[in-house]
Amino acid sequence: MIRADTTRAKLALVAALWVGSAPLFAQSQMEDTRIEAQQVADGIYMITGRGGNMGLSTGDDSTFLIDDQFAPLTDKIVAAIAGITDHPVEYILNTHWHGDHTGGNENFGKQGALIMAHDKVRSRLVNGKTTDTGEVLLPEPEALPVVTFNDSLTLHVNKQTIKGVHVHHAHTDGDVIVHFEEANVIHMGDTFFNQRYPWIDLKSGGHIDGVIKAAKVALALSDEHTRIIPGHGPLASKLDLQNHHDRIVAIREEITSMIAAGQTLEEIQAAKPTAPFDSEVDSSVSISAERMVDIIYKSLSQ
C-alpha cells in the first residue's frame, strides 16, 4: 500500500515541476499584480487583485476575510490588509471552491486563520484538483475549511451580523452569498459577474437557474443603498444586479424557446440570442457571448 505522505510528496513534486515550467509571463502577471482596497462601508472593504474579488471586515473583534485569491499573492494581500488594520486575518470564508478564491487558504491557514465554507467546498478541495497533465494535486491540511455548513452560517463580529447563505447549484454546487446586515453590504462570490456574462461551472454542479435564483435572493436583501461586491467586476448597486438578472433571464428564455423549436446548439449560436445585450457587457475580461450561449444550452439540456 502506498503511504499517504509518500503520495503527497510525489504530488507536491509534480506541482513544483509544473510551476517551474509555467510560462514566464504568467509568473510576471502575479509579480505585477496590485492589490487594492476600496472601502464600501464603515470597516468593510472590497479588495481586488488577480482573481475573485475579496471582502474584508475589520474592527475591535477580528479581521474577517472573504476569499483569498491565488497563493503567490498572499504576501501582497497581507500587506494591503496591514495598511488598514494591525490585526492579522483570523477568519476566512470561501464563497466557493475555485482556485482564484481559495488559492491562499494554505498560506493563511498556516498563519492561524480559521477557514469556513460550505460542505461541498471542503469535499471538492479534499478530492484535489486535476492539472492539464492529468495529475491530481491534493491540498495540504491547512488549506481545507475547518468549519463547514449546509444551508446557512451566522457570525457576530465587528458589530456586524454576518450571514452566509447557500444557494443551490448556481456558479457551482457550493456557493455562498454573504450578507452584512447592519452595514447593508452583500458579497455574492461568483454567483454575480458585474457588467459581464457569468461563467457557470457545470462540472461542479452549476446551473443557469441557480444563478438566476442567487440574483433573486440578493435582490430581496437589497435596497437602493446596498453595496454589492461581485465575484468579478466593479463594485455594484442593486440596479446593476437587477440588470444582470434581467439580462440572463431574457437570454435563458430565448434559448429555451429555440431548444423547444428543435434548434441545435450551432443554430442557436448562429442566431445570436445575446445580441440585444452584448453592448452591456465586457467580453474582453470574461466569457464571450458564444460561450454564454453554450453554457446556457448545456445547462438546460442536462
C-alpha atoms as a PDB file:
ATOM      1  CA  MET A   1       0.000   0.000   0.000  1.00  0.00           C
ATOM      2  CA  ILE A   2       1.279   3.493  -0.860  1.00  0.00           C
ATOM      3  CA  ARG A   3       1.632   5.726   2.151  1.00  0.00           C
ATOM      4  CA  ALA A   4      -0.404   8.941   2.055  1.00  0.00           C
ATOM      5  CA  ASP A   5       2.615  11.101   2.874  1.00  0.00           C
ATOM      6  CA  THR A   6       4.610   9.499   0.050  1.00  0.00           C
ATOM      7  CA  THR A   7       1.787  10.144  -2.393  1.00  0.00           C
ATOM      8  CA  ARG A   8       1.506  13.741  -1.223  1.00  0.00           C
ATOM      9  CA  ALA A   9       5.251  14.240  -1.641  1.00  0.00           C
ATOM     10  CA  LYS A  10       5.102  12.960  -5.214  1.00  0.00           C
ATOM     11  CA  LEU A  11       2.161  15.203  -5.994  1.00  0.00           C
ATOM     12  CA  ALA A  12       3.950  18.166  -4.488  1.00  0.00           C
ATOM     13  CA  LEU A  13       6.926  17.418  -6.727  1.00  0.00           C
ATOM     14  CA  VAL A  14       4.658  17.296  -9.774  1.00  0.00           C
ATOM     15  CA  ALA A  15       3.168  20.621  -8.764  1.00  0.00           C
ATOM     16  CA  ALA A  16       6.608  22.128  -8.331  1.00  0.00           C
ATOM     17  CA  LEU A  17       7.727  20.888 -11.732  1.00  0.00           C
ATOM     18  CA  TRP A  18       4.549  22.225 -13.326  1.00  0.00           C
ATOM     19  CA  VAL A  19       5.037  25.632 -11.732  1.00  0.00           C
ATOM     20  CA  GLY A  20       8.665  25.626 -12.754  1.00  0.00           C
ATOM     21  CA  SER A  21       7.722  25.090 -16.375  1.00  0.00           C
ATOM     22  CA  ALA A  22       4.919  27.664 -16.384  1.00  0.00           C
ATOM     23  CA  PRO A  23       5.267  30.495 -18.878  1.00  0.00           C
ATOM     24  CA  LEU A  24       7.309  33.390 -17.597  1.00  0.00           C
ATOM     25  CA  PHE A  25       4.548  35.823 -18.491  1.00  0.00           C
ATOM     26  CA  ALA A  26       2.184  34.081 -16.033  1.00  0.00           C
ATOM     27  CA  GLN A  27       4.690  34.496 -13.199  1.00  0.00           C
ATOM     28  CA  SER A  28       5.214  38.095 -14.245  1.00  0.00           C
ATOM     29  CA  GLN A  29       1.471  38.722 -14.075  1.00  0.00           C
ATOM     30  CA  MET A  30       1.472  37.660 -10.424  1.00  0.00           C
ATOM     31  CA  GLU A  31       4.514  39.774  -9.676  1.00  0.00           C
ATOM     32  CA  ASP A  32       2.957  42.803 -11.345  1.00  0.00           C
ATOM     33  CA  THR A  33      -0.441  42.399  -9.676  1.00  0.00           C
ATOM     34  CA  ARG A  34      -1.503  45.285  -7.479  1.00  0.00           C
ATOM     35  CA  ILE A  35      -3.738  44.577  -4.503  1.00  0.00           C
ATOM     36  CA  GLU A  36      -6.105  47.486  -3.888  1.00  0.00           C
ATOM     37  CA  ALA A  37      -8.714  48.074  -1.190  1.00  0.00           C
ATOM     38  CA  GLN A  38     -11.894  50.086  -1.688  1.00  0.00           C
ATOM     39  CA  GLN A  39     -13.948  51.000   1.366  1.00  0.00           C
ATOM     40  CA  VAL A  40     -17.621  50.220   0.850  1.00  0.00           C
ATOM     41  CA  ALA A  41     -18.904  50.789   4.400  1.00  0.00           C
ATOM     42  CA  ASP A  42     -17.535  51.502   7.863  1.00  0.00           C
ATOM     43  CA  GLY A  43     -14.926  48.789   8.474  1.00  0.00           C
ATOM     44  CA  ILE A  44     -15.806  46.872   5.276  1.00  0.00           C
ATOM     45  CA  TYR A  45     -13.723  46.808   2.097  1.00  0.00           C
ATOM     46  CA  MET A  46     -13.661  45.240  -1.354  1.00  0.00           C
ATOM     47  CA  ILE A  47     -10.135  44.077  -2.178  1.00  0.00           C
ATOM     48  CA  THR A  48      -9.116  43.455  -5.768  1.00  0.00           C
ATOM     49  CA  GLY A  49      -6.050  41.922  -7.376  1.00  0.00           C
ATOM     50  CA  ARG A  50      -5.923  38.935  -9.704  1.00  0.00           C
ATOM     51  CA  GLY A  51      -8.792  36.520  -9.291  1.00  0.00           C
ATOM     52  CA  GLY A  52     -12.063  36.824  -7.442  1.00  0.00           C
ATOM     53  CA  ASN A  53     -12.893  39.993  -5.527  1.00  0.00           C
ATOM     54  CA  MET A  54     -12.292  39.676  -1.794  1.00  0.00           C
ATOM     55  CA  GLY A  55     -14.266  41.181   1.063  1.00  0.00           C
ATOM     56  CA  LEU A  56     -12.742  42.406   4.320  1.00  0.00           C
ATOM     57  CA  SER A  57     -14.344  43.226   7.663  1.00  0.00           C
ATOM     58  CA  THR A  58     -12.223  44.910  10.336  1.00  0.00           C
ATOM     59  CA  GLY A  59     -12.937  46.107  13.858  1.00  0.00           C
ATOM     60  CA  ASP A  60     -12.236  45.533  17.525  1.00  0.00           C
ATOM     61  CA  ASP A  61     -13.240  41.862  17.393  1.00  0.00           C
ATOM     62  CA  SER A  62     -11.304  40.412  14.496  1.00  0.00           C
ATOM     63  CA  THR A  63     -10.199  40.636  10.883  1.00  0.00           C
ATOM     64  CA  PHE A  64     -12.524  38.625   8.666  1.00  0.00           C
ATOM     65  CA  LEU A  65     -11.679  37.926   5.009  1.00  0.00           C
ATOM     66  CA  ILE A  66     -13.963  36.616   2.266  1.00  0.00           C
ATOM     67  CA  ASP A  67     -11.904  34.600  -0.257  1.00  0.00           C
ATOM     68  CA  ASP A  68      -8.122  34.897  -0.689  1.00  0.00           C
ATOM     69  CA  GLN A  69      -7.232  34.723  -4.421  1.00  0.00           C
ATOM     70  CA  PHE A  70      -4.034  32.915  -5.519  1.00  0.00           C
ATOM     71  CA  ALA A  71      -1.274  31.635  -3.224  1.00  0.00           C
ATOM     72  CA  PRO A  72       1.547  33.749  -4.767  1.00  0.00           C
ATOM     73  CA  LEU A  73      -0.427  36.881  -3.872  1.00  0.00           C
ATOM     74  CA  THR A  74      -0.776  36.179  -0.141  1.00  0.00           C
ATOM     75  CA  ASP A  75       2.092  38.427   0.942  1.00  0.00           C
ATOM     76  CA  LYS A  76       0.668  41.304  -1.098  1.00  0.00           C
ATOM     77  CA  ILE A  77      -2.802  40.714   0.327  1.00  0.00           C
ATOM     78  CA  VAL A  78      -1.420  40.652   3.879  1.00  0.00           C
ATOM     79  CA  ALA A  79       0.447  43.906   3.210  1.00  0.00           C
ATOM     80  CA  ALA A  80      -2.700  45.559   1.869  1.00  0.00           C
ATOM     81  CA  ILE A  81      -4.670  44.475   4.920  1.00  0.00           C
ATOM     82  CA  ALA A  82      -1.883  45.709   7.194  1.00  0.00           C
ATOM     83  CA  GLY A  83      -2.445  49.149   5.703  1.00  0.00           C
ATOM     84  CA  ILE A  84      -5.998  49.011   7.048  1.00  0.00           C
ATOM     85  CA  THR A  85      -5.666  47.224  10.388  1.00  0.00           C
ATOM     86  CA  ASP A  86      -2.950  45.973  12.743  1.00  0.00           C
ATOM     87  CA  HIS A  87      -4.839  42.716  13.361  1.00  0.00           C
ATOM     88  CA  PRO A  88      -3.935  39.679  11.226  1.00  0.00           C
ATOM     89  CA  VAL A  89      -6.617  37.722   9.406  1.00  0.00           C
ATOM     90  CA  GLU A  90      -8.355  35.463  11.902  1.00  0.00           C
ATOM     91  CA  TYR A  91     -11.300  34.168   9.879  1.00  0.00           C
ATOM     92  CA  ILE A  92     -11.752  33.338   6.191  1.00  0.00           C
ATOM     93  CA  LEU A  93     -14.969  32.390   4.422  1.00  0.00           C
ATOM     94  CA  ASN A  94     -14.657  30.841   0.971  1.00  0.00           C
ATOM     95  CA  THR A  95     -17.605  31.653  -1.306  1.00  0.00           C
ATOM     96  CA  HIS A  96     -16.878  28.511  -3.397  1.00  0.00           C
ATOM     97  CA  TRP A  97     -14.021  26.146  -4.226  1.00  0.00           C
ATOM     98  CA  HIS A  98     -12.306  27.643  -7.295  1.00  0.00           C
ATOM     99  CA  GLY A  99      -8.589  28.384  -7.005  1.00  0.00           C
ATOM    100  CA  ASP A 100      -8.849  32.120  -7.616  1.00  0.00           C
ATOM    101  CA  HIS A 101     -10.937  32.281  -4.423  1.00  0.00           C
ATOM    102  CA  THR A 102      -9.244  29.587  -2.295  1.00  0.00           C
ATOM    103  CA  GLY A 103      -5.645  29.606  -3.531  1.00  0.00           C
ATOM    104  CA  GLY A 104      -4.397  31.479  -0.478  1.00  0.00           C
ATOM    105  CA  ASN A 105      -6.071  29.132   2.014  1.00  0.00           C
ATOM    106  CA  GLU A 106      -2.941  27.173   2.845  1.00  0.00           C
ATOM    107  CA  ASN A 107      -0.854  30.295   3.491  1.00  0.00           C
ATOM    108  CA  PHE A 108      -3.491  31.919   5.683  1.00  0.00           C
ATOM    109  CA  GLY A 109      -4.223  28.616   7.415  1.00  0.00           C
ATOM    110  CA  LYS A 110      -0.566  28.277   8.358  1.00  0.00           C
ATOM    111  CA  GLN A 111      -0.728  31.823   9.739  1.00  0.00           C
ATOM    112  CA  GLY A 112      -3.529  30.746  12.070  1.00  0.00           C
ATOM    113  CA  ALA A 113      -6.673  31.800  10.208  1.00  0.00           C
ATOM    114  CA  LEU A 114      -9.771  29.654  10.708  1.00  0.00           C
ATOM    115  CA  ILE A 115     -11.272  28.792   7.313  1.00  0.00           C
ATOM    116  CA  MET A 116     -15.015  28.338   6.779  1.00  0.00           C
ATOM    117  CA  ALA A 117     -17.008  27.231   3.738  1.00  0.00           C
ATOM    118  CA  HIS A 118     -19.976  25.243   2.532  1.00  0.00           C
ATOM    119  CA  ASP A 119     -19.780  21.453   2.927  1.00  0.00           C
ATOM    120  CA  LYS A 120     -19.349  20.972  -0.829  1.00  0.00           C
ATOM    121  CA  VAL A 121     -16.328  23.302  -0.888  1.00  0.00           C
ATOM    122  CA  ARG A 122     -14.386  21.148   1.544  1.00  0.00           C
ATOM    123  CA  SER A 123     -15.359  17.921  -0.201  1.00  0.00           C
ATOM    124  CA  ARG A 124     -14.230  19.260  -3.592  1.00  0.00           C
ATOM    125  CA  LEU A 125     -10.938  20.552  -2.170  1.00  0.00           C
ATOM    126  CA  VAL A 126     -10.304  17.259  -0.374  1.00  0.00           C
ATOM    127  CA  ASN A 127     -10.643  15.421  -3.690  1.00  0.00           C
ATOM    128  CA  GLY A 128      -7.923  17.604  -5.189  1.00  0.00           C
ATOM    129  CA  LYS A 129      -7.580  19.384  -8.497  1.00  0.00           C
ATOM    130  CA  THR A 130      -6.674  17.841 -11.832  1.00  0.00           C
ATOM    131  CA  THR A 131      -3.950  19.576 -13.830  1.00  0.00           C
ATOM    132  CA  ASP A 132      -3.617  19.740 -17.622  1.00  0.00           C
ATOM    133  CA  THR A 133      -1.297  16.737 -17.422  1.00  0.00           C
ATOM    134  CA  GLY A 134      -3.921  14.658 -15.621  1.00  0.00           C
ATOM    135  CA  GLU A 135      -2.171  14.704 -12.246  1.00  0.00           C
ATOM    136  CA  VAL A 136      -4.332  15.219  -9.169  1.00  0.00           C
ATOM    137  CA  LEU A 137      -2.906  17.797  -6.758  1.00  0.00           C
ATOM    138  CA  LEU A 138      -4.100  17.387  -3.183  1.00  0.00           C
ATOM    139  CA  PRO A 139      -4.180  20.387  -0.833  1.00  0.00           C
ATOM    140  CA  GLU A 140      -2.285  20.491   2.418  1.00  0.00           C
ATOM    141  CA  PRO A 141      -4.474  20.159   5.553  1.00  0.00           C
ATOM    142  CA  GLU A 142      -4.046  23.867   6.324  1.00  0.00           C
ATOM    143  CA  ALA A 143      -5.831  24.738   3.056  1.00  0.00           C
ATOM    144  CA  LEU A 144      -9.044  22.943   3.997  1.00  0.00           C
ATOM    145  CA  PRO A 145     -12.043  24.628   5.646  1.00  0.00           C
ATOM    146  CA  VAL A 146     -12.196  23.744   9.345  1.00  0.00           C
ATOM    147  CA  VAL A 147     -15.798  24.853   9.804  1.00  0.00           C
ATOM    148  CA  THR A 148     -18.352  23.795   7.188  1.00  0.00           C
ATOM    149  CA  PHE A 149     -22.108  24.232   6.981  1.00  0.00           C
ATOM    150  CA  ASN A 150     -25.033  23.191   4.844  1.00  0.00           C
ATOM    151  CA  ASP A 151     -27.691  25.896   4.435  1.00  0.00           C
ATOM    152  CA  SER A 152     -26.526  28.915   6.419  1.00  0.00           C
ATOM    153  CA  LEU A 153     -23.956  30.317   8.812  1.00  0.00           C
ATOM    154  CA  THR A 154     -24.204  33.331  11.121  1.00  0.00           C
ATOM    155  CA  LEU A 155     -21.221  35.217  12.548  1.00  0.00           C
ATOM    156  CA  HIS A 156     -21.300  38.062  15.058  1.00  0.00           C
ATOM    157  CA  VAL A 157     -18.087  40.050  14.677  1.00  0.00           C
ATOM    158  CA  ASN A 158     -17.089  43.702  14.442  1.00  0.00           C
ATOM    159  CA  LYS A 159     -20.575  44.833  15.473  1.00  0.00           C
ATOM    160  CA  GLN A 160     -21.986  43.099  12.414  1.00  0.00           C
ATOM    161  CA  THR A 161     -24.418  40.251  11.935  1.00  0.00           C
ATOM    162  CA  ILE A 162     -22.846  38.399   9.021  1.00  0.00           C
ATOM    163  CA  LYS A 163     -24.930  35.700   7.376  1.00  0.00           C
ATOM    164  CA  GLY A 164     -23.641  33.207   4.839  1.00  0.00           C
ATOM    165  CA  VAL A 165     -26.480  31.765   2.749  1.00  0.00           C
ATOM    166  CA  HIS A 166     -26.005  28.752   0.490  1.00  0.00           C
ATOM    167  CA  VAL A 167     -27.559  28.975  -2.978  1.00  0.00           C
ATOM    168  CA  HIS A 168     -28.009  25.580  -4.585  1.00  0.00           C
ATOM    169  CA  HIS A 169     -26.429  24.773  -7.960  1.00  0.00           C
ATOM    170  CA  ALA A 170     -25.573  28.297  -9.092  1.00  0.00           C
ATOM    171  CA  HIS A 171     -21.997  29.037 -10.184  1.00  0.00           C
ATOM    172  CA  THR A 172     -21.084  25.718  -8.502  1.00  0.00           C
ATOM    173  CA  ASP A 173     -22.861  23.447  -6.013  1.00  0.00           C
ATOM    174  CA  GLY A 174     -21.204  25.120  -3.003  1.00  0.00           C
ATOM    175  CA  ASP A 175     -21.813  28.838  -3.462  1.00  0.00           C
ATOM    176  CA  VAL A 176     -22.396  31.167  -0.526  1.00  0.00           C
ATOM    177  CA  ILE A 177     -23.778  34.707  -0.533  1.00  0.00           C
ATOM    178  CA  VAL A 178     -22.508  36.770   2.409  1.00  0.00           C
ATOM    179  CA  HIS A 179     -24.749  39.471   3.884  1.00  0.00           C
ATOM    180  CA  PHE A 180     -23.513  42.137   6.315  1.00  0.00           C
ATOM    181  CA  GLU A 181     -26.887  43.095   7.731  1.00  0.00           C
ATOM    182  CA  GLU A 182     -26.121  46.297   9.639  1.00  0.00           C
ATOM    183  CA  ALA A 183     -23.731  47.620   7.002  1.00  0.00           C
ATOM    184  CA  ASN A 184     -26.097  46.779   4.115  1.00  0.00           C
ATOM    185  CA  VAL A 185     -23.298  45.104   2.143  1.00  0.00           C
ATOM    186  CA  ILE A 186     -23.503  41.839   0.206  1.00  0.00           C
ATOM    187  CA  HIS A 187     -20.662  39.714  -1.191  1.00  0.00           C
ATOM    188  CA  MET A 188     -22.017  37.402  -3.886  1.00  0.00           C
ATOM    189  CA  GLY A 189     -18.931  35.456  -4.902  1.00  0.00           C
ATOM    190  CA  ASP A 190     -19.117  34.170  -8.461  1.00  0.00           C
ATOM    191  CA  THR A 191     -22.894  33.947  -8.467  1.00  0.00           C
ATOM    192  CA  PHE A 192     -22.613  37.525  -9.804  1.00  0.00           C
ATOM    193  CA  PHE A 193     -20.257  38.789 -12.510  1.00  0.00           C
ATOM    194  CA  ASN A 194     -20.908  42.522 -12.747  1.00  0.00           C
ATOM    195  CA  GLN A 195     -21.066  44.038 -16.244  1.00  0.00           C
ATOM    196  CA  ARG A 196     -20.039  40.787 -17.897  1.00  0.00           C
ATOM    197  CA  TYR A 197     -21.521  37.431 -18.790  1.00  0.00           C
ATOM    198  CA  PRO A 198     -21.306  34.934 -15.930  1.00  0.00           C
ATOM    199  CA  TRP A 199     -19.256  31.779 -16.145  1.00  0.00           C
ATOM    200  CA  ILE A 200     -21.120  28.751 -14.769  1.00  0.00           C
ATOM    201  CA  ASP A 201     -19.092  25.677 -13.812  1.00  0.00           C
ATOM    202  CA  LEU A 202     -21.397  22.898 -14.990  1.00  0.00           C
ATOM    203  CA  LYS A 203     -18.893  20.200 -13.998  1.00  0.00           C
ATOM    204  CA  SER A 204     -19.013  21.478 -10.415  1.00  0.00           C
ATOM    205  CA  GLY A 205     -22.796  21.393 -10.192  1.00  0.00           C
ATOM    206  CA  GLY A 206     -23.519  24.861 -11.554  1.00  0.00           C
ATOM    207  CA  HIS A 207     -26.742  25.699 -13.416  1.00  0.00           C
ATOM    208  CA  ILE A 208     -28.222  28.785 -15.048  1.00  0.00           C
ATOM    209  CA  ASP A 209     -31.380  28.538 -12.930  1.00  0.00           C
ATOM    210  CA  GLY A 210     -29.311  28.605  -9.752  1.00  0.00           C
ATOM    211  CA  VAL A 211     -27.505  31.757 -10.917  1.00  0.00           C
ATOM    212  CA  ILE A 212     -30.876  33.404 -11.543  1.00  0.00           C
ATOM    213  CA  LYS A 213     -32.102  32.291  -8.126  1.00  0.00           C
ATOM    214  CA  ALA A 214     -28.946  33.682  -6.483  1.00  0.00           C
ATOM    215  CA  ALA A 215     -29.671  37.068  -8.042  1.00  0.00           C
ATOM    216  CA  LYS A 216     -33.245  36.911  -6.739  1.00  0.00           C
ATOM    217  CA  VAL A 217     -32.002  36.070  -3.224  1.00  0.00           C
ATOM    218  CA  ALA A 218     -29.608  39.027  -3.189  1.00  0.00           C
ATOM    219  CA  LEU A 219     -32.176  41.389  -4.715  1.00  0.00           C
ATOM    220  CA  ALA A 220     -34.597  40.512  -1.925  1.00  0.00           C
ATOM    221  CA  LEU A 221     -31.920  41.501   0.604  1.00  0.00           C
ATOM    222  CA  SER A 222     -31.102  44.773  -1.171  1.00  0.00           C
ATOM    223  CA  ASP A 223     -32.354  48.321  -1.367  1.00  0.00           C
ATOM    224  CA  GLU A 224     -31.159  51.380  -3.279  1.00  0.00           C
ATOM    225  CA  HIS A 225     -28.349  51.928  -0.767  1.00  0.00           C
ATOM    226  CA  THR A 226     -26.935  48.370  -0.769  1.00  0.00           C
ATOM    227  CA  ARG A 227     -23.319  47.938  -1.877  1.00  0.00           C
ATOM    228  CA  ILE A 228     -22.780  44.624  -3.651  1.00  0.00           C
ATOM    229  CA  ILE A 229     -19.366  43.009  -4.078  1.00  0.00           C
ATOM    230  CA  PRO A 230     -19.440  40.732  -7.128  1.00  0.00           C
ATOM    231  CA  GLY A 231     -17.123  37.792  -7.652  1.00  0.00           C
ATOM    232  CA  HIS A 232     -15.700  39.651 -10.640  1.00  0.00           C
ATOM    233  CA  GLY A 233     -16.186  43.172 -11.916  1.00  0.00           C
ATOM    234  CA  PRO A 234     -16.595  46.556 -10.237  1.00  0.00           C
ATOM    235  CA  LEU A 235     -18.483  47.285  -7.039  1.00  0.00           C
ATOM    236  CA  ALA A 236     -22.205  47.113  -7.794  1.00  0.00           C
ATOM    237  CA  SER A 237     -25.570  48.511  -6.776  1.00  0.00           C
ATOM    238  CA  LYS A 238     -28.977  46.884  -6.681  1.00  0.00           C
ATOM    239  CA  LEU A 239     -29.639  48.349 -10.134  1.00  0.00           C
ATOM    240  CA  ASP A 240     -26.512  46.649 -11.501  1.00  0.00           C
ATOM    241  CA  LEU A 241     -27.672  43.349 -10.061  1.00  0.00           C
ATOM    242  CA  GLN A 242     -31.176  43.843 -11.425  1.00  0.00           C
ATOM    243  CA  ASN A 243     -29.747  44.485 -14.892  1.00  0.00           C
ATOM    244  CA  HIS A 244     -27.649  41.316 -14.610  1.00  0.00           C
ATOM    245  CA  HIS A 245     -30.717  39.324 -13.561  1.00  0.00           C
ATOM    246  CA  ASP A 246     -32.940  40.667 -16.331  1.00  0.00           C
ATOM    247  CA  ARG A 247     -30.234  40.093 -18.929  1.00  0.00           C
ATOM    248  CA  ILE A 248     -29.621  36.432 -18.162  1.00  0.00           C
ATOM    249  CA  VAL A 249     -33.339  35.711 -17.687  1.00  0.00           C
ATOM    250  CA  ALA A 250     -34.103  37.133 -21.135  1.00  0.00           C
ATOM    251  CA  ILE A 251     -31.293  35.139 -22.747  1.00  0.00           C
ATOM    252  CA  ARG A 252     -32.361  31.964 -20.960  1.00  0.00           C
ATOM    253  CA  GLU A 253     -35.961  32.375 -22.111  1.00  0.00           C
ATOM    254  CA  GLU A 254     -34.894  32.926 -25.716  1.00  0.00           C
ATOM    255  CA  ILE A 255     -32.642  29.867 -25.732  1.00  0.00           C
ATOM    256  CA  THR A 256     -35.387  27.793 -24.074  1.00  0.00           C
ATOM    257  CA  SER A 257     -37.767  28.704 -26.914  1.00  0.00           C
ATOM    258  CA  MET A 258     -35.149  27.809 -29.505  1.00  0.00           C
ATOM    259  CA  ILE A 259     -34.487  24.428 -27.887  1.00  0.00           C
ATOM    260  CA  ALA A 260     -38.240  23.735 -27.804  1.00  0.00           C
ATOM    261  CA  ALA A 261     -38.338  24.531 -31.547  1.00  0.00           C
ATOM    262  CA  GLY A 262     -35.738  21.829 -32.143  1.00  0.00           C
ATOM    263  CA  GLN A 263     -32.775  24.053 -32.925  1.00  0.00           C
ATOM    264  CA  THR A 264     -29.253  22.745 -32.373  1.00  0.00           C
ATOM    265  CA  LEU A 265     -26.556  24.492 -30.363  1.00  0.00           C
ATOM    266  CA  GLU A 266     -24.854  25.623 -33.565  1.00  0.00           C
ATOM    267  CA  GLU A 267     -28.099  27.053 -34.915  1.00  0.00           C
ATOM    268  CA  ILE A 268     -28.803  28.873 -31.667  1.00  0.00           C
ATOM    269  CA  GLN A 269     -25.303  30.341 -31.546  1.00  0.00           C
ATOM    270  CA  ALA A 270     -25.652  31.496 -35.150  1.00  0.00           C
ATOM    271  CA  ALA A 271     -28.911  33.268 -34.249  1.00  0.00           C
ATOM    272  CA  LYS A 272     -27.033  35.285 -31.565  1.00  0.00           C
ATOM    273  CA  PRO A 273     -29.704  35.411 -28.836  1.00  0.00           C
ATOM    274  CA  THR A 274     -27.399  37.567 -26.687  1.00  0.00           C
ATOM    275  CA  ALA A 275     -27.155  40.326 -29.319  1.00  0.00           C
ATOM    276  CA  PRO A 276     -29.524  42.795 -27.568  1.00  0.00           C
ATOM    277  CA  PHE A 277     -27.246  42.701 -24.514  1.00  0.00           C
ATOM    278  CA  ASP A 278     -23.723  42.316 -25.891  1.00  0.00           C
ATOM    279  CA  SER A 279     -23.038  46.048 -25.664  1.00  0.00           C
ATOM    280  CA  GLU A 280     -23.831  45.990 -21.928  1.00  0.00           C
ATOM    281  CA  VAL A 281     -21.036  43.597 -21.006  1.00  0.00           C
ATOM    282  CA  ASP A 282     -17.274  43.499 -21.370  1.00  0.00           C
ATOM    283  CA  SER A 283     -16.426  40.183 -23.018  1.00  0.00           C
ATOM    284  CA  SER A 284     -12.713  41.032 -23.066  1.00  0.00           C
ATOM    285  CA  VAL A 285     -12.472  40.257 -19.344  1.00  0.00           C
ATOM    286  CA  SER A 286     -14.958  37.401 -19.168  1.00  0.00           C
ATOM    287  CA  ILE A 287     -16.557  34.757 -21.350  1.00  0.00           C
ATOM    288  CA  SER A 288     -17.780  35.545 -24.847  1.00  0.00           C
ATOM    289  CA  ALA A 289     -21.403  35.760 -25.943  1.00  0.00           C
ATOM    290  CA  GLU A 290     -20.964  32.497 -27.852  1.00  0.00           C
ATOM    291  CA  ARG A 291     -19.650  30.780 -24.719  1.00  0.00           C
ATOM    292  CA  MET A 292     -22.576  32.169 -22.715  1.00  0.00           C
ATOM    293  CA  VAL A 293     -24.996  30.557 -25.172  1.00  0.00           C
ATOM    294  CA  ASP A 294     -23.062  27.285 -24.970  1.00  0.00           C
ATOM    295  CA  ILE A 295     -23.244  27.247 -21.164  1.00  0.00           C
ATOM    296  CA  ILE A 296     -26.956  28.021 -21.003  1.00  0.00           C
ATOM    297  CA  TYR A 297     -27.767  25.486 -23.720  1.00  0.00           C
ATOM    298  CA  LYS A 298     -25.851  22.722 -21.942  1.00  0.00           C
ATOM    299  CA  SER A 299     -27.264  23.769 -18.573  1.00  0.00           C
ATOM    300  CA  LEU A 300     -30.840  23.461 -19.863  1.00  0.00           C
ATOM    301  CA  SER A 301     -30.060  20.215 -21.713  1.00  0.00           C
ATOM    302  CA  GLN A 302     -28.716  18.402 -18.657  1.00  0.00           C
END
